[in-house]
Amino acid sequence: MKAIMLAAGVGSRLYGDSGGQPPKALLEFEGKTLMRRHIETLRRRGLEGMTLVVGYRADEIMAEAKAAGGDFVRFIHNPDFRRGPVVSLWLARDVLRDHSDALFMDADVLYHPSLIERLIDSEPENCFLYDEAFEHGDEPVTLCLNEGEPVEFGKAVSGTFDAKGEWPGFLKLGPEMGAKLADALQTYIDADDLDAPYEPAMRDVLLAEPRGTFGYEDITGEPWIEIDFPEDLERARGEILERIGTI
């Protein structure tokens, strides 16, 4: 299994867009950057390697990733990092198509390593993480279930569902679905929809497949947070870090 991690963005919702703000992947928690935490977790689980898509202040992120992982990490540079995240994931399409299992990850998440361990060990070959304890609104990306099966995915979803939970930004894909995600991403690039997020392409693949193709791992109650806004960073450095330390 190989990991694909996106760390190209500016993070303007957290710090603004002055050009001087640090990359979110280099935020430190107890003296250790998010990037180093990711790499240490993945290496402990024996992954083959990680492809890291960089853009904004790429040299700094690459230096930290090399210091933490050496040859474990290979890099793809996204010169259009101010466009949508769909571009960053599309640039890693060859990894999605290389006939091996893939673990997709966002770089701006602080979490207990058990989240990754549970996702890797989960029975479904294609598996989302899922957390029912979340604040409803326009911001969270959600996974919706009917009769225990994923049936809808994204922001501002509509419809009636048995259950709905927040997606922390991690997804496990088998070789076939990895290749189909690469094809779906290509559709957005060919349509010049370069400012799109990547979630719609994932949703396209989910909805095109028969029920049972994708599963989910319920991590409700586990400590994690995606760091998008100043209040997220404050909560990460307080509540979430404390909970991670007690497990």
C-alpha atoms as a PDB file:
ATOM      1  CA  MET A   1       0.000   0.000   0.000  1.00  0.00           C
ATOM      2  CA  LYS A   2       1.156   3.501  -0.869  1.00  0.00           C
ATOM      3  CA  ALA A   3      -0.008   6.823   0.534  1.00  0.00           C
ATOM      4  CA  ILE A   4      -0.917   9.938  -1.408  1.00  0.00           C
ATOM      5  CA  MET A   5      -0.897  13.135   0.624  1.00  0.00           C
ATOM      6  CA  LEU A   6      -1.897  16.620  -0.507  1.00  0.00           C
ATOM      7  CA  ALA A   7       0.069  19.495   1.045  1.00  0.00           C
ATOM      8  CA  ALA A   8       0.107  22.077  -1.746  1.00  0.00           C
ATOM      9  CA  GLY A   9      -2.439  24.613  -0.529  1.00  0.00           C
ATOM     10  CA  VAL A  10      -1.919  28.091   0.874  1.00  0.00           C
ATOM     11  CA  GLY A  11      -4.167  27.677   3.920  1.00  0.00           C
ATOM     12  CA  SER A  12      -5.713  31.108   3.494  1.00  0.00           C
ATOM     13  CA  ARG A  13      -8.721  30.322   5.709  1.00  0.00           C
ATOM     14  CA  LEU A  14      -6.373  29.807   8.631  1.00  0.00           C
ATOM     15  CA  TYR A  15      -3.927  32.694   8.259  1.00  0.00           C
ATOM     16  CA  GLY A  16      -5.037  34.825   5.319  1.00  0.00           C
ATOM     17  CA  ASP A  17      -3.090  34.998   2.083  1.00  0.00           C
ATOM     18  CA  SER A  18      -0.163  37.312   2.712  1.00  0.00           C
ATOM     19  CA  GLY A  19       2.345  34.822   1.341  1.00  0.00           C
ATOM     20  CA  GLY A  20       4.140  34.761   4.664  1.00  0.00           C
ATOM     21  CA  GLN A  21       1.948  32.302   6.520  1.00  0.00           C
ATOM     22  CA  PRO A  22       3.471  28.896   7.299  1.00  0.00           C
ATOM     23  CA  PRO A  23       2.192  25.805   5.476  1.00  0.00           C
ATOM     24  CA  LYS A  24      -0.338  23.914   7.575  1.00  0.00           C
ATOM     25  CA  ALA A  25       1.674  20.706   7.208  1.00  0.00           C
ATOM     26  CA  LEU A  26       4.445  22.380   9.226  1.00  0.00           C
ATOM     27  CA  LEU A  27       2.277  23.309  12.192  1.00  0.00           C
ATOM     28  CA  GLU A  28       3.888  21.924  15.332  1.00  0.00           C
ATOM     29  CA  PHE A  29       2.223  20.036  18.159  1.00  0.00           C
ATOM     30  CA  GLU A  30       4.379  19.180  21.141  1.00  0.00           C
ATOM     31  CA  GLY A  31       7.463  19.963  19.101  1.00  0.00           C
ATOM     32  CA  LYS A  32       6.558  17.740  16.160  1.00  0.00           C
ATOM     33  CA  THR A  33       5.116  18.901  12.841  1.00  0.00           C
ATOM     34  CA  LEU A  34       1.997  17.425  11.315  1.00  0.00           C
ATOM     35  CA  MET A  35       4.163  16.183   8.449  1.00  0.00           C
ATOM     36  CA  ARG A  36       6.513  14.309  10.756  1.00  0.00           C
ATOM     37  CA  ARG A  37       3.561  12.804  12.635  1.00  0.00           C
ATOM     38  CA  HIS A  38       2.051  11.544   9.366  1.00  0.00           C
ATOM     39  CA  ILE A  39       5.282   9.992   8.154  1.00  0.00           C
ATOM     40  CA  GLU A  40       6.064   8.285  11.450  1.00  0.00           C
ATOM     41  CA  THR A  41       2.569   6.786  11.564  1.00  0.00           C
ATOM     42  CA  LEU A  42       2.753   5.477   7.997  1.00  0.00           C
ATOM     43  CA  ARG A  43       6.215   4.015   8.408  1.00  0.00           C
ATOM     44  CA  ARG A  44       5.224   2.210  11.585  1.00  0.00           C
ATOM     45  CA  ARG A  45       2.429   0.542   9.627  1.00  0.00           C
ATOM     46  CA  GLY A  46       4.827  -0.640   6.953  1.00  0.00           C
ATOM     47  CA  LEU A  47       3.543   1.316   3.954  1.00  0.00           C
ATOM     48  CA  GLU A  48       5.704   1.145   0.850  1.00  0.00           C
ATOM     49  CA  GLY A  49       6.057   4.894   0.570  1.00  0.00           C
ATOM     50  CA  MET A  50       4.277   8.217   0.325  1.00  0.00           C
ATOM     51  CA  THR A  51       3.754  10.525  -2.632  1.00  0.00           C
ATOM     52  CA  LEU A  52       3.532  14.097  -1.374  1.00  0.00           C
ATOM     53  CA  VAL A  53       2.021  16.788  -3.587  1.00  0.00           C
ATOM     54  CA  VAL A  54       3.506  20.170  -2.717  1.00  0.00           C
ATOM     55  CA  GLY A  55       3.106  23.711  -4.008  1.00  0.00           C
ATOM     56  CA  TYR A  56       3.027  26.635  -1.593  1.00  0.00           C
ATOM     57  CA  ARG A  57       6.427  26.982   0.118  1.00  0.00           C
ATOM     58  CA  ALA A  58       7.311  23.594  -1.290  1.00  0.00           C
ATOM     59  CA  ASP A  59      10.997  23.701  -0.314  1.00  0.00           C
ATOM     60  CA  GLU A  60      10.156  23.965   3.394  1.00  0.00           C
ATOM     61  CA  ILE A  61       7.704  21.077   3.305  1.00  0.00           C
ATOM     62  CA  MET A  62      10.063  18.925   1.277  1.00  0.00           C
ATOM     63  CA  ALA A  63      12.916  19.585   3.699  1.00  0.00           C
ATOM     64  CA  GLU A  64      10.808  18.478   6.663  1.00  0.00           C
ATOM     65  CA  ALA A  65       9.492  15.415   4.822  1.00  0.00           C
ATOM     66  CA  LYS A  66      13.013  14.377   3.825  1.00  0.00           C
ATOM     67  CA  ALA A  67      14.248  14.855   7.387  1.00  0.00           C
ATOM     68  CA  ALA A  68      11.397  12.728   8.714  1.00  0.00           C
ATOM     69  CA  GLY A  69      11.186  10.084   5.984  1.00  0.00           C
ATOM     70  CA  GLY A  70      14.174  10.173   3.670  1.00  0.00           C
ATOM     71  CA  ASP A  71      13.563   7.978   0.626  1.00  0.00           C
ATOM     72  CA  PHE A  72      10.152   6.959   1.979  1.00  0.00           C
ATOM     73  CA  VAL A  73       8.734  10.152   0.437  1.00  0.00           C
ATOM     74  CA  ARG A  74       8.645  11.136  -3.221  1.00  0.00           C
ATOM     75  CA  PHE A  75       7.431  14.528  -4.350  1.00  0.00           C
ATOM     76  CA  ILE A  76       5.182  15.973  -7.020  1.00  0.00           C
ATOM     77  CA  HIS A  77       5.190  19.742  -7.447  1.00  0.00           C
ATOM     78  CA  ASN A  78       1.943  21.483  -8.312  1.00  0.00           C
ATOM     79  CA  PRO A  79       2.779  24.852  -9.913  1.00  0.00           C
ATOM     80  CA  ASP A  80      -0.938  25.692  -9.980  1.00  0.00           C
ATOM     81  CA  PHE A  81      -1.378  25.292  -6.227  1.00  0.00           C
ATOM     82  CA  ARG A  82      -3.683  28.315  -6.090  1.00  0.00           C
ATOM     83  CA  ARG A  83      -6.209  26.437  -8.210  1.00  0.00           C
ATOM     84  CA  GLY A  84      -8.515  23.762  -6.798  1.00  0.00           C
ATOM     85  CA  PRO A  85      -7.328  20.656  -4.932  1.00  0.00           C
ATOM     86  CA  VAL A  86      -8.563  18.580  -7.867  1.00  0.00           C
ATOM     87  CA  VAL A  87      -5.370  19.598  -9.663  1.00  0.00           C
ATOM     88  CA  SER A  88      -3.125  18.328  -6.865  1.00  0.00           C
ATOM     89  CA  LEU A  89      -4.787  14.931  -6.713  1.00  0.00           C
ATOM     90  CA  TRP A  90      -4.851  14.664 -10.507  1.00  0.00           C
ATOM     91  CA  LEU A  91      -1.081  15.163 -10.554  1.00  0.00           C
ATOM     92  CA  ALA A  92      -0.795  11.953  -8.485  1.00  0.00           C
ATOM     93  CA  ARG A  93      -2.918   9.988 -10.974  1.00  0.00           C
ATOM     94  CA  ASP A  94      -0.064   7.630 -11.864  1.00  0.00           C
ATOM     95  CA  VAL A  95       0.052   6.455  -8.250  1.00  0.00           C
ATOM     96  CA  LEU A  96      -3.692   5.801  -8.369  1.00  0.00           C
ATOM     97  CA  ARG A  97      -3.171   3.749 -11.525  1.00  0.00           C
ATOM     98  CA  ASP A  98      -0.151   1.708 -10.459  1.00  0.00           C
ATOM     99  CA  HIS A  99      -2.127  -1.453  -9.568  1.00  0.00           C
ATOM    100  CA  SER A 100      -1.592  -1.239  -5.812  1.00  0.00           C
ATOM    101  CA  ASP A 101      -3.723  -0.223  -2.853  1.00  0.00           C
ATOM    102  CA  ALA A 102      -3.682   3.499  -2.126  1.00  0.00           C
ATOM    103  CA  LEU A 103      -4.274   5.490   1.030  1.00  0.00           C
ATOM    104  CA  PHE A 104      -5.411   9.045   0.316  1.00  0.00           C
ATOM    105  CA  MET A 105      -4.704  11.621   3.033  1.00  0.00           C
ATOM    106  CA  ASP A 106      -5.050  15.344   3.574  1.00  0.00           C
ATOM    107  CA  ALA A 107      -2.028  16.854   5.323  1.00  0.00           C
ATOM    108  CA  ASP A 108      -3.889  19.285   7.584  1.00  0.00           C
ATOM    109  CA  VAL A 109      -5.375  16.765  10.024  1.00  0.00           C
ATOM    110  CA  LEU A 110      -4.223  16.104  13.591  1.00  0.00           C
ATOM    111  CA  TYR A 111      -5.315  12.647  14.740  1.00  0.00           C
ATOM    112  CA  HIS A 112      -4.482   9.685  16.894  1.00  0.00           C
ATOM    113  CA  PRO A 113      -2.549   7.054  14.866  1.00  0.00           C
ATOM    114  CA  SER A 114      -5.361   4.576  15.545  1.00  0.00           C
ATOM    115  CA  LEU A 115      -7.407   6.280  12.808  1.00  0.00           C
ATOM    116  CA  ILE A 116      -4.904   5.243  10.158  1.00  0.00           C
ATOM    117  CA  GLU A 117      -4.439   1.818  11.707  1.00  0.00           C
ATOM    118  CA  ARG A 118      -8.176   1.161  11.680  1.00  0.00           C
ATOM    119  CA  LEU A 119      -8.531   2.347   8.099  1.00  0.00           C
ATOM    120  CA  ILE A 120      -5.684   0.161   6.867  1.00  0.00           C
ATOM    121  CA  ASP A 121      -7.012  -2.866   8.768  1.00  0.00           C
ATOM    122  CA  SER A 122     -10.646  -2.323   7.774  1.00  0.00           C
ATOM    123  CA  GLU A 123     -12.278  -5.164   5.876  1.00  0.00           C
ATOM    124  CA  PRO A 124     -13.676  -3.183   2.917  1.00  0.00           C
ATOM    125  CA  GLU A 125     -11.091  -2.780   0.168  1.00  0.00           C
ATOM    126  CA  ASN A 126     -12.481   0.686  -0.555  1.00  0.00           C
ATOM    127  CA  CYS A 127     -13.188   2.437   2.703  1.00  0.00           C
ATOM    128  CA  PHE A 128     -14.050   5.885   4.030  1.00  0.00           C
ATOM    129  CA  LEU A 129     -13.570   7.038   7.604  1.00  0.00           C
ATOM    130  CA  TYR A 130     -16.789   8.237   9.205  1.00  0.00           C
ATOM    131  CA  ASP A 131     -17.545  10.229  12.369  1.00  0.00           C
ATOM    132  CA  GLU A 132     -21.148  10.758  13.474  1.00  0.00           C
ATOM    133  CA  ALA A 133     -20.218  13.293  16.173  1.00  0.00           C
ATOM    134  CA  PHE A 134     -19.886  16.494  14.170  1.00  0.00           C
ATOM    135  CA  GLU A 135     -21.311  20.015  13.938  1.00  0.00           C
ATOM    136  CA  HIS A 136     -23.721  20.238  11.037  1.00  0.00           C
ATOM    137  CA  GLY A 137     -23.228  23.083   8.591  1.00  0.00           C
ATOM    138  CA  ASP A 138     -21.939  23.966   5.145  1.00  0.00           C
ATOM    139  CA  GLU A 139     -18.287  23.198   5.884  1.00  0.00           C
ATOM    140  CA  PRO A 140     -17.989  19.492   6.797  1.00  0.00           C
ATOM    141  CA  VAL A 141     -17.611  16.927   4.047  1.00  0.00           C
ATOM    142  CA  THR A 142     -20.068  14.194   4.943  1.00  0.00           C
ATOM    143  CA  LEU A 143     -20.645  10.554   4.120  1.00  0.00           C
ATOM    144  CA  CYS A 144     -24.291   9.477   4.083  1.00  0.00           C
ATOM    145  CA  LEU A 145     -25.520   5.943   4.718  1.00  0.00           C
ATOM    146  CA  ASN A 146     -28.634   3.972   3.912  1.00  0.00           C
ATOM    147  CA  GLU A 147     -28.961   0.494   5.421  1.00  0.00           C
ATOM    148  CA  GLY A 148     -25.303   0.610   6.362  1.00  0.00           C
ATOM    149  CA  GLU A 149     -24.058   1.400   2.849  1.00  0.00           C
ATOM    150  CA  PRO A 150     -22.424   4.651   1.658  1.00  0.00           C
ATOM    151  CA  VAL A 151     -24.821   6.301  -0.785  1.00  0.00           C
ATOM    152  CA  GLU A 152     -23.864   9.987  -0.881  1.00  0.00           C
ATOM    153  CA  PHE A 153     -20.752  12.052  -0.232  1.00  0.00           C
ATOM    154  CA  GLY A 154     -19.736  15.709  -0.186  1.00  0.00           C
ATOM    155  CA  LYS A 155     -20.668  19.086   1.209  1.00  0.00           C
ATOM    156  CA  ALA A 156     -24.263  20.317   1.353  1.00  0.00           C
ATOM    157  CA  VAL A 157     -25.712  16.914   0.463  1.00  0.00           C
ATOM    158  CA  SER A 158     -29.463  16.567   0.123  1.00  0.00           C
ATOM    159  CA  GLY A 159     -31.839  13.686   0.585  1.00  0.00           C
ATOM    160  CA  THR A 160     -33.020  11.399   3.345  1.00  0.00           C
ATOM    161  CA  PHE A 161     -30.471   9.067   4.887  1.00  0.00           C
ATOM    162  CA  ASP A 162     -30.341   6.608   7.755  1.00  0.00           C
ATOM    163  CA  ALA A 163     -27.157   8.204   9.073  1.00  0.00           C
ATOM    164  CA  LYS A 164     -24.663  10.898   8.224  1.00  0.00           C
ATOM    165  CA  GLY A 165     -21.135  11.482   9.487  1.00  0.00           C
ATOM    166  CA  GLU A 166     -18.164  13.715   8.814  1.00  0.00           C
ATOM    167  CA  TRP A 167     -15.319  12.463   6.641  1.00  0.00           C
ATOM    168  CA  PRO A 168     -11.888  13.243   8.139  1.00  0.00           C
ATOM    169  CA  GLY A 169     -10.118  13.342   4.787  1.00  0.00           C
ATOM    170  CA  PHE A 170      -8.695   9.800   4.623  1.00  0.00           C
ATOM    171  CA  LEU A 171      -9.762   7.166   2.080  1.00  0.00           C
ATOM    172  CA  LYS A 172      -8.499   3.664   1.301  1.00  0.00           C
ATOM    173  CA  LEU A 173      -8.779   2.502  -2.311  1.00  0.00           C
ATOM    174  CA  GLY A 174      -8.117  -0.805  -3.993  1.00  0.00           C
ATOM    175  CA  PRO A 175      -6.380  -0.824  -7.394  1.00  0.00           C
ATOM    176  CA  GLU A 176      -9.579  -0.836  -9.457  1.00  0.00           C
ATOM    177  CA  MET A 177     -11.185   2.099  -7.642  1.00  0.00           C
ATOM    178  CA  GLY A 178      -7.893   3.968  -7.596  1.00  0.00           C
ATOM    179  CA  ALA A 179      -7.779   3.801 -11.390  1.00  0.00           C
ATOM    180  CA  LYS A 180     -11.420   4.863 -11.634  1.00  0.00           C
ATOM    181  CA  LEU A 181     -10.745   7.847  -9.394  1.00  0.00           C
ATOM    182  CA  ALA A 182      -7.874   8.840 -11.697  1.00  0.00           C
ATOM    183  CA  ASP A 183     -10.283   8.684 -14.642  1.00  0.00           C
ATOM    184  CA  ALA A 184     -12.849  10.777 -12.775  1.00  0.00           C
ATOM    185  CA  LEU A 185     -10.234  13.415 -11.952  1.00  0.00           C
ATOM    186  CA  GLN A 186      -9.249  13.539 -15.622  1.00  0.00           C
ATOM    187  CA  THR A 187     -12.826  14.453 -16.499  1.00  0.00           C
ATOM    188  CA  TYR A 188     -12.599  17.621 -14.391  1.00  0.00           C
ATOM    189  CA  ILE A 189      -9.221  18.551 -15.868  1.00  0.00           C
ATOM    190  CA  ASP A 190     -10.459  18.000 -19.422  1.00  0.00           C
ATOM    191  CA  ALA A 191     -13.455  20.227 -18.666  1.00  0.00           C
ATOM    192  CA  ASP A 192     -11.049  22.927 -17.417  1.00  0.00           C
ATOM    193  CA  ASP A 193     -12.746  22.800 -14.019  1.00  0.00           C
ATOM    194  CA  LEU A 194      -9.450  23.511 -12.307  1.00  0.00           C
ATOM    195  CA  ASP A 195     -10.883  25.298  -9.287  1.00  0.00           C
ATOM    196  CA  ALA A 196     -12.907  22.313  -8.130  1.00  0.00           C
ATOM    197  CA  PRO A 197     -12.263  20.373  -4.938  1.00  0.00           C
ATOM    198  CA  TYR A 198     -11.428  16.680  -5.307  1.00  0.00           C
ATOM    199  CA  GLU A 199     -14.466  15.389  -3.398  1.00  0.00           C
ATOM    200  CA  PRO A 200     -16.826  15.597  -6.406  1.00  0.00           C
ATOM    201  CA  ALA A 201     -14.583  13.180  -8.318  1.00  0.00           C
ATOM    202  CA  MET A 202     -14.666  10.773  -5.375  1.00  0.00           C
ATOM    203  CA  ARG A 203     -18.446  11.154  -5.264  1.00  0.00           C
ATOM    204  CA  ASP A 204     -18.681  10.380  -8.995  1.00  0.00           C
ATOM    205  CA  VAL A 205     -16.870   7.088  -8.438  1.00  0.00           C
ATOM    206  CA  LEU A 206     -18.937   6.189  -5.364  1.00  0.00           C
ATOM    207  CA  LEU A 207     -22.260   6.800  -7.124  1.00  0.00           C
ATOM    208  CA  ALA A 208     -21.228   4.968 -10.289  1.00  0.00           C
ATOM    209  CA  GLU A 209     -20.439   1.732  -8.462  1.00  0.00           C
ATOM    210  CA  PRO A 210     -22.906  -0.880  -7.156  1.00  0.00           C
ATOM    211  CA  ARG A 211     -23.705  -0.869  -3.472  1.00  0.00           C
ATOM    212  CA  GLY A 212     -21.165  -2.828  -1.503  1.00  0.00           C
ATOM    213  CA  THR A 213     -18.179  -1.525  -3.465  1.00  0.00           C
ATOM    214  CA  PHE A 214     -17.390   1.035  -0.770  1.00  0.00           C
ATOM    215  CA  GLY A 215     -17.554   0.624   2.977  1.00  0.00           C
ATOM    216  CA  TYR A 216     -16.780   2.780   5.974  1.00  0.00           C
ATOM    217  CA  GLU A 217     -14.959   2.612   9.280  1.00  0.00           C
ATOM    218  CA  ASP A 218     -16.795   4.342  12.131  1.00  0.00           C
ATOM    219  CA  ILE A 219     -14.263   6.308  14.189  1.00  0.00           C
ATOM    220  CA  THR A 220     -16.827   8.245  16.239  1.00  0.00           C
ATOM    221  CA  GLY A 221     -15.258   9.186  19.558  1.00  0.00           C
ATOM    222  CA  GLU A 222     -11.663   9.061  18.287  1.00  0.00           C
ATOM    223  CA  PRO A 223      -9.660  12.318  18.594  1.00  0.00           C
ATOM    224  CA  TRP A 224      -9.023  14.115  15.313  1.00  0.00           C
ATOM    225  CA  ILE A 225      -9.490  17.537  13.745  1.00  0.00           C
ATOM    226  CA  GLU A 226      -9.021  19.076  10.310  1.00  0.00           C
ATOM    227  CA  ILE A 227      -7.316  22.437  10.721  1.00  0.00           C
ATOM    228  CA  ASP A 228      -8.989  24.964   8.423  1.00  0.00           C
ATOM    229  CA  PHE A 229      -9.754  27.946  10.655  1.00  0.00           C
ATOM    230  CA  PRO A 230      -8.115  29.671  13.658  1.00  0.00           C
ATOM    231  CA  GLU A 231     -10.628  28.095  16.022  1.00  0.00           C
ATOM    232  CA  ASP A 232      -9.636  24.650  14.672  1.00  0.00           C
ATOM    233  CA  LEU A 233      -6.000  25.315  15.512  1.00  0.00           C
ATOM    234  CA  GLU A 234      -6.917  26.465  19.000  1.00  0.00           C
ATOM    235  CA  ARG A 235      -8.974  23.327  19.568  1.00  0.00           C
ATOM    236  CA  ALA A 236      -6.218  21.141  18.117  1.00  0.00           C
ATOM    237  CA  ARG A 237      -3.621  22.548  20.509  1.00  0.00           C
ATOM    238  CA  GLY A 238      -5.922  22.149  23.465  1.00  0.00           C
ATOM    239  CA  GLU A 239      -8.673  19.562  23.517  1.00  0.00           C
ATOM    240  CA  ILE A 240      -7.574  17.264  20.678  1.00  0.00           C
ATOM    241  CA  LEU A 241      -3.897  17.084  21.612  1.00  0.00           C
ATOM    242  CA  GLU A 242      -4.834  16.348  25.217  1.00  0.00           C
ATOM    243  CA  ARG A 243      -7.163  13.524  24.136  1.00  0.00           C
ATOM    244  CA  ILE A 244      -4.520  12.051  21.838  1.00  0.00           C
ATOM    245  CA  GLY A 245      -2.083  11.988  24.728  1.00  0.00           C
ATOM    246  CA  THR A 246      -4.425  10.053  26.983  1.00  0.00           C
ATOM    247  CA  ILE A 247      -4.987   7.122  24.605  1.00  0.00           C
END
